[in-house]
Amino acid sequence: MFFRLLLACLPALLLAAPAHAEPQEKATLTLEEAVAKVQQETGGKILSADPRRLGRRTEYRIKVLTPEGHVRVIAISSEAPPMGTGKNPAGNGAGNKEKH
């Protein structure tokens, strides 16, 4: 009898669990935070930083002069993932480069 009661209540207990969990809000990145992130990742000098609206989200396009003398444009979403996993992380050769 106890086993049947437990089996009958189990789905209700499993479904109720997420209701008690705190809602996860997307942490949005400000332009200043995105600039600091690029500065820290590249060690270069920030030349410019511009926000661009892409539908409902914002993308920051940051131009940086790397210590190697390359100009790179790095795009970071305002809903960027944790450090080091951005759209065009520095050092992987994916950014636009110009030799100066």
N, C-alpha and C. Protein backbone atom coordinates (compact mmCIF):
# COMPACT_ATOMS: atom_id res chain seq x y z
N MET A 1 0.82 -1.20 0.00
CA MET A 1 0.00 0.00 0.00
C MET A 1 0.87 1.27 0.00
N PHE A 2 1.88 1.28 0.86
CA PHE A 2 2.77 2.43 0.93
C PHE A 2 3.49 2.65 -0.41
N PHE A 3 3.92 1.55 -1.04
CA PHE A 3 4.63 1.63 -2.30
C PHE A 3 3.74 2.23 -3.39
N ARG A 4 2.46 1.85 -3.43
CA ARG A 4 1.53 2.40 -4.41
C ARG A 4 1.32 3.90 -4.17
N LEU A 5 1.20 4.27 -2.93
CA LEU A 5 1.01 5.68 -2.58
C LEU A 5 2.24 6.49 -3.01
N LEU A 6 3.42 5.93 -2.77
CA LEU A 6 4.64 6.60 -3.16
C LEU A 6 4.73 6.77 -4.68
N LEU A 7 4.38 5.72 -5.41
CA LEU A 7 4.39 5.80 -6.87
C LEU A 7 3.37 6.80 -7.39
N ALA A 8 2.23 6.89 -6.72
CA ALA A 8 1.18 7.82 -7.14
C ALA A 8 1.61 9.27 -6.91
N CYS A 9 2.36 9.53 -5.87
CA CYS A 9 2.78 10.89 -5.53
C CYS A 9 4.07 11.32 -6.23
N LEU A 10 4.84 10.37 -6.70
CA LEU A 10 6.13 10.69 -7.29
C LEU A 10 6.06 11.67 -8.46
N PRO A 11 5.17 11.48 -9.44
CA PRO A 11 5.12 12.46 -10.54
C PRO A 11 4.78 13.88 -10.05
N ALA A 12 3.90 13.98 -9.08
CA ALA A 12 3.54 15.31 -8.56
C ALA A 12 4.73 15.96 -7.87
N LEU A 13 5.55 15.17 -7.17
CA LEU A 13 6.72 15.71 -6.51
C LEU A 13 7.77 16.16 -7.53
N LEU A 14 7.93 15.39 -8.59
CA LEU A 14 8.91 15.74 -9.61
C LEU A 14 8.50 16.99 -10.38
N LEU A 15 7.22 17.14 -10.66
CA LEU A 15 6.74 18.31 -11.38
C LEU A 15 6.78 19.57 -10.52
N ALA A 16 6.64 19.42 -9.22
CA ALA A 16 6.63 20.57 -8.33
C ALA A 16 8.03 21.13 -8.08
N ALA A 17 9.05 20.33 -8.29
CA ALA A 17 10.42 20.77 -7.99
C ALA A 17 10.83 22.03 -8.75
N PRO A 18 10.60 22.14 -10.06
CA PRO A 18 11.03 23.35 -10.76
C PRO A 18 10.30 24.62 -10.30
N ALA A 19 9.12 24.48 -9.75
CA ALA A 19 8.38 25.66 -9.29
C ALA A 19 9.10 26.34 -8.14
N HIS A 20 9.89 25.58 -7.39
CA HIS A 20 10.60 26.15 -6.26
C HIS A 20 11.96 26.71 -6.66
N ALA A 21 12.42 26.36 -7.82
CA ALA A 21 13.71 26.86 -8.29
C ALA A 21 13.58 28.33 -8.64
N GLU A 22 14.67 29.07 -8.40
CA GLU A 22 14.65 30.49 -8.73
C GLU A 22 14.72 30.67 -10.23
N PRO A 23 13.98 31.63 -10.77
CA PRO A 23 14.03 31.85 -12.22
C PRO A 23 15.42 32.32 -12.63
N GLN A 24 15.90 31.82 -13.76
CA GLN A 24 17.21 32.22 -14.24
C GLN A 24 17.04 33.37 -15.23
N GLU A 25 17.58 34.51 -14.88
CA GLU A 25 17.52 35.67 -15.76
C GLU A 25 18.84 35.77 -16.51
N LYS A 26 18.76 36.18 -17.75
CA LYS A 26 19.98 36.37 -18.52
C LYS A 26 20.70 37.60 -18.01
N ALA A 27 21.95 37.41 -17.69
CA ALA A 27 22.76 38.54 -17.26
C ALA A 27 23.20 39.29 -18.51
N THR A 28 22.85 40.56 -18.58
CA THR A 28 23.22 41.34 -19.76
C THR A 28 24.53 42.06 -19.49
N LEU A 29 25.31 42.16 -20.52
CA LEU A 29 26.63 42.78 -20.47
C LEU A 29 26.49 44.22 -20.94
N THR A 30 27.07 45.16 -20.19
CA THR A 30 27.06 46.56 -20.62
C THR A 30 28.23 46.79 -21.58
N LEU A 31 28.19 47.91 -22.26
CA LEU A 31 29.27 48.26 -23.18
C LEU A 31 30.60 48.35 -22.43
N GLU A 32 30.58 48.96 -21.26
CA GLU A 32 31.80 49.10 -20.47
C GLU A 32 32.35 47.74 -20.05
N GLU A 33 31.46 46.81 -19.68
CA GLU A 33 31.91 45.47 -19.29
C GLU A 33 32.48 44.71 -20.50
N ALA A 34 31.86 44.90 -21.66
CA ALA A 34 32.36 44.25 -22.87
C ALA A 34 33.75 44.78 -23.23
N VAL A 35 33.94 46.09 -23.10
CA VAL A 35 35.25 46.70 -23.38
C VAL A 35 36.29 46.15 -22.40
N ALA A 36 35.94 46.07 -21.13
CA ALA A 36 36.87 45.53 -20.13
C ALA A 36 37.21 44.07 -20.43
N LYS A 37 36.22 43.32 -20.87
CA LYS A 37 36.43 41.91 -21.21
C LYS A 37 37.42 41.76 -22.36
N VAL A 38 37.24 42.56 -23.42
CA VAL A 38 38.14 42.50 -24.57
C VAL A 38 39.54 42.97 -24.16
N GLN A 39 39.61 44.02 -23.38
CA GLN A 39 40.89 44.54 -22.90
C GLN A 39 41.63 43.46 -22.13
N GLN A 40 40.94 42.78 -21.25
CA GLN A 40 41.56 41.74 -20.43
C GLN A 40 41.99 40.54 -21.28
N GLU A 41 41.16 40.15 -22.23
CA GLU A 41 41.46 38.97 -23.04
C GLU A 41 42.60 39.22 -24.03
N THR A 42 42.69 40.42 -24.58
CA THR A 42 43.69 40.69 -25.62
C THR A 42 44.94 41.36 -25.08
N GLY A 43 44.81 42.13 -24.02
CA GLY A 43 45.95 42.90 -23.53
C GLY A 43 46.28 44.06 -24.44
N GLY A 44 45.38 44.39 -25.37
CA GLY A 44 45.62 45.45 -26.34
C GLY A 44 44.99 46.77 -25.94
N LYS A 45 45.07 47.73 -26.88
CA LYS A 45 44.52 49.06 -26.66
C LYS A 45 43.19 49.16 -27.39
N ILE A 46 42.14 49.57 -26.70
CA ILE A 46 40.81 49.71 -27.29
C ILE A 46 40.81 50.97 -28.16
N LEU A 47 40.42 50.80 -29.41
CA LEU A 47 40.37 51.94 -30.33
C LEU A 47 38.97 52.52 -30.44
N SER A 48 37.96 51.66 -30.45
CA SER A 48 36.57 52.13 -30.49
C SER A 48 35.65 51.01 -30.01
N ALA A 49 34.44 51.41 -29.63
CA ALA A 49 33.44 50.45 -29.17
C ALA A 49 32.07 51.00 -29.53
N ASP A 50 31.29 50.21 -30.27
CA ASP A 50 29.98 50.66 -30.72
C ASP A 50 28.92 49.59 -30.46
N PRO A 51 27.77 50.00 -29.88
CA PRO A 51 26.66 49.04 -29.74
C PRO A 51 25.86 49.00 -31.04
N ARG A 52 25.37 47.83 -31.39
CA ARG A 52 24.51 47.67 -32.58
C ARG A 52 23.34 46.80 -32.21
N ARG A 53 22.14 47.24 -32.58
CA ARG A 53 20.93 46.45 -32.32
C ARG A 53 20.76 45.41 -33.41
N LEU A 54 20.56 44.17 -33.01
CA LEU A 54 20.30 43.07 -33.93
C LEU A 54 19.00 42.41 -33.47
N GLY A 55 17.90 42.91 -33.99
CA GLY A 55 16.61 42.40 -33.53
C GLY A 55 16.36 42.83 -32.09
N ARG A 56 16.19 41.85 -31.22
CA ARG A 56 15.93 42.14 -29.81
C ARG A 56 17.19 42.20 -28.96
N ARG A 57 18.29 41.85 -29.53
CA ARG A 57 19.52 41.85 -28.73
C ARG A 57 20.48 42.92 -29.22
N THR A 58 21.48 43.19 -28.40
CA THR A 58 22.50 44.19 -28.73
C THR A 58 23.83 43.47 -28.87
N GLU A 59 24.58 43.89 -29.87
CA GLU A 59 25.93 43.36 -30.07
C GLU A 59 26.89 44.53 -29.98
N TYR A 60 27.99 44.31 -29.27
CA TYR A 60 29.02 45.34 -29.15
C TYR A 60 30.16 44.99 -30.11
N ARG A 61 30.53 45.94 -30.96
CA ARG A 61 31.65 45.75 -31.88
C ARG A 61 32.80 46.60 -31.34
N ILE A 62 33.85 45.92 -30.93
CA ILE A 62 34.97 46.58 -30.27
C ILE A 62 36.22 46.41 -31.12
N LYS A 63 36.83 47.54 -31.47
CA LYS A 63 38.06 47.54 -32.27
C LYS A 63 39.22 47.68 -31.29
N VAL A 64 40.17 46.77 -31.41
CA VAL A 64 41.31 46.75 -30.48
C VAL A 64 42.61 46.60 -31.25
N LEU A 65 43.65 47.31 -30.79
CA LEU A 65 44.99 47.18 -31.32
C LEU A 65 45.72 46.20 -30.42
N THR A 66 46.06 45.02 -30.97
CA THR A 66 46.70 43.98 -30.16
C THR A 66 48.17 44.32 -29.91
N PRO A 67 48.77 43.71 -28.91
CA PRO A 67 50.20 43.94 -28.65
C PRO A 67 51.09 43.56 -29.84
N GLU A 68 50.59 42.68 -30.72
CA GLU A 68 51.36 42.29 -31.90
C GLU A 68 51.24 43.30 -33.03
N GLY A 69 50.42 44.34 -32.87
CA GLY A 69 50.27 45.38 -33.87
C GLY A 69 49.12 45.17 -34.84
N HIS A 70 48.26 44.20 -34.57
CA HIS A 70 47.10 43.94 -35.42
C HIS A 70 45.88 44.68 -34.89
N VAL A 71 45.07 45.19 -35.80
CA VAL A 71 43.79 45.77 -35.42
C VAL A 71 42.74 44.69 -35.61
N ARG A 72 41.98 44.43 -34.57
CA ARG A 72 40.98 43.38 -34.59
C ARG A 72 39.63 43.95 -34.19
N VAL A 73 38.59 43.52 -34.89
CA VAL A 73 37.23 43.90 -34.51
C VAL A 73 36.60 42.66 -33.89
N ILE A 74 36.19 42.80 -32.64
CA ILE A 74 35.62 41.68 -31.91
C ILE A 74 34.16 42.01 -31.62
N ALA A 75 33.27 41.10 -31.96
CA ALA A 75 31.83 41.28 -31.72
C ALA A 75 31.45 40.44 -30.50
N ILE A 76 30.79 41.09 -29.54
CA ILE A 76 30.34 40.42 -28.33
C ILE A 76 28.87 40.74 -28.13
N SER A 77 28.07 39.72 -27.90
CA SER A 77 26.66 39.91 -27.63
C SER A 77 26.47 40.47 -26.23
N SER A 78 25.42 41.25 -26.03
CA SER A 78 25.13 41.76 -24.69
C SER A 78 24.70 40.62 -23.78
N GLU A 79 24.35 39.49 -24.38
CA GLU A 79 24.01 38.30 -23.61
C GLU A 79 25.16 37.31 -23.69
N ALA A 80 26.37 37.85 -23.59
CA ALA A 80 27.58 37.05 -23.78
C ALA A 80 27.72 35.96 -22.73
N PRO A 81 28.26 34.82 -23.15
CA PRO A 81 28.57 33.75 -22.21
C PRO A 81 29.76 34.13 -21.35
N PRO A 82 30.11 33.29 -20.39
CA PRO A 82 31.24 33.61 -19.51
C PRO A 82 32.53 33.88 -20.27
N MET A 83 33.49 34.44 -19.57
CA MET A 83 34.77 34.87 -20.13
C MET A 83 35.41 33.78 -20.98
N GLY A 84 35.92 34.20 -22.14
CA GLY A 84 36.67 33.30 -22.98
C GLY A 84 35.86 32.53 -24.00
N THR A 85 34.54 32.69 -24.01
CA THR A 85 33.72 31.94 -24.97
C THR A 85 32.89 32.87 -25.83
N GLY A 86 33.38 34.08 -26.08
CA GLY A 86 32.65 35.06 -26.89
C GLY A 86 32.59 34.66 -28.35
N LYS A 87 31.90 35.46 -29.13
CA LYS A 87 31.69 35.16 -30.55
C LYS A 87 33.00 35.08 -31.32
N ASN A 88 33.86 36.06 -31.14
CA ASN A 88 35.18 36.07 -31.78
C ASN A 88 36.23 36.29 -30.71
N PRO A 89 36.49 35.29 -29.89
CA PRO A 89 37.46 35.51 -28.82
C PRO A 89 38.84 35.82 -29.37
N ALA A 90 39.55 36.65 -28.68
CA ALA A 90 40.88 37.06 -29.12
C ALA A 90 41.82 35.86 -29.16
N GLY A 91 42.68 35.85 -30.14
CA GLY A 91 43.70 34.82 -30.20
C GLY A 91 43.33 33.63 -31.05
N ASN A 92 42.12 33.53 -31.56
CA ASN A 92 41.79 32.36 -32.39
C ASN A 92 41.84 32.67 -33.88
N GLY A 93 42.20 33.89 -34.24
CA GLY A 93 42.35 34.24 -35.64
C GLY A 93 41.04 34.52 -36.34
N ALA A 94 39.92 34.57 -35.62
CA ALA A 94 38.63 34.76 -36.26
C ALA A 94 38.28 36.23 -36.47
N GLY A 95 38.98 37.14 -35.79
CA GLY A 95 38.64 38.55 -35.93
C GLY A 95 39.20 39.16 -37.21
N ASN A 96 38.73 40.35 -37.54
CA ASN A 96 39.25 41.07 -38.70
C ASN A 96 40.59 41.67 -38.30
N LYS A 97 41.61 41.45 -39.10
CA LYS A 97 42.94 41.92 -38.76
C LYS A 97 43.47 42.90 -39.80
N GLU A 98 44.17 43.90 -39.32
CA GLU A 98 44.89 44.82 -40.19
C GLU A 98 46.28 45.00 -39.58
N LYS A 99 47.30 44.97 -40.38
CA LYS A 99 48.66 45.16 -39.88
C LYS A 99 48.98 46.64 -39.86
N HIS A 100 49.49 47.13 -38.71
CA HIS A 100 49.88 48.54 -38.58
C HIS A 100 51.29 48.66 -38.11
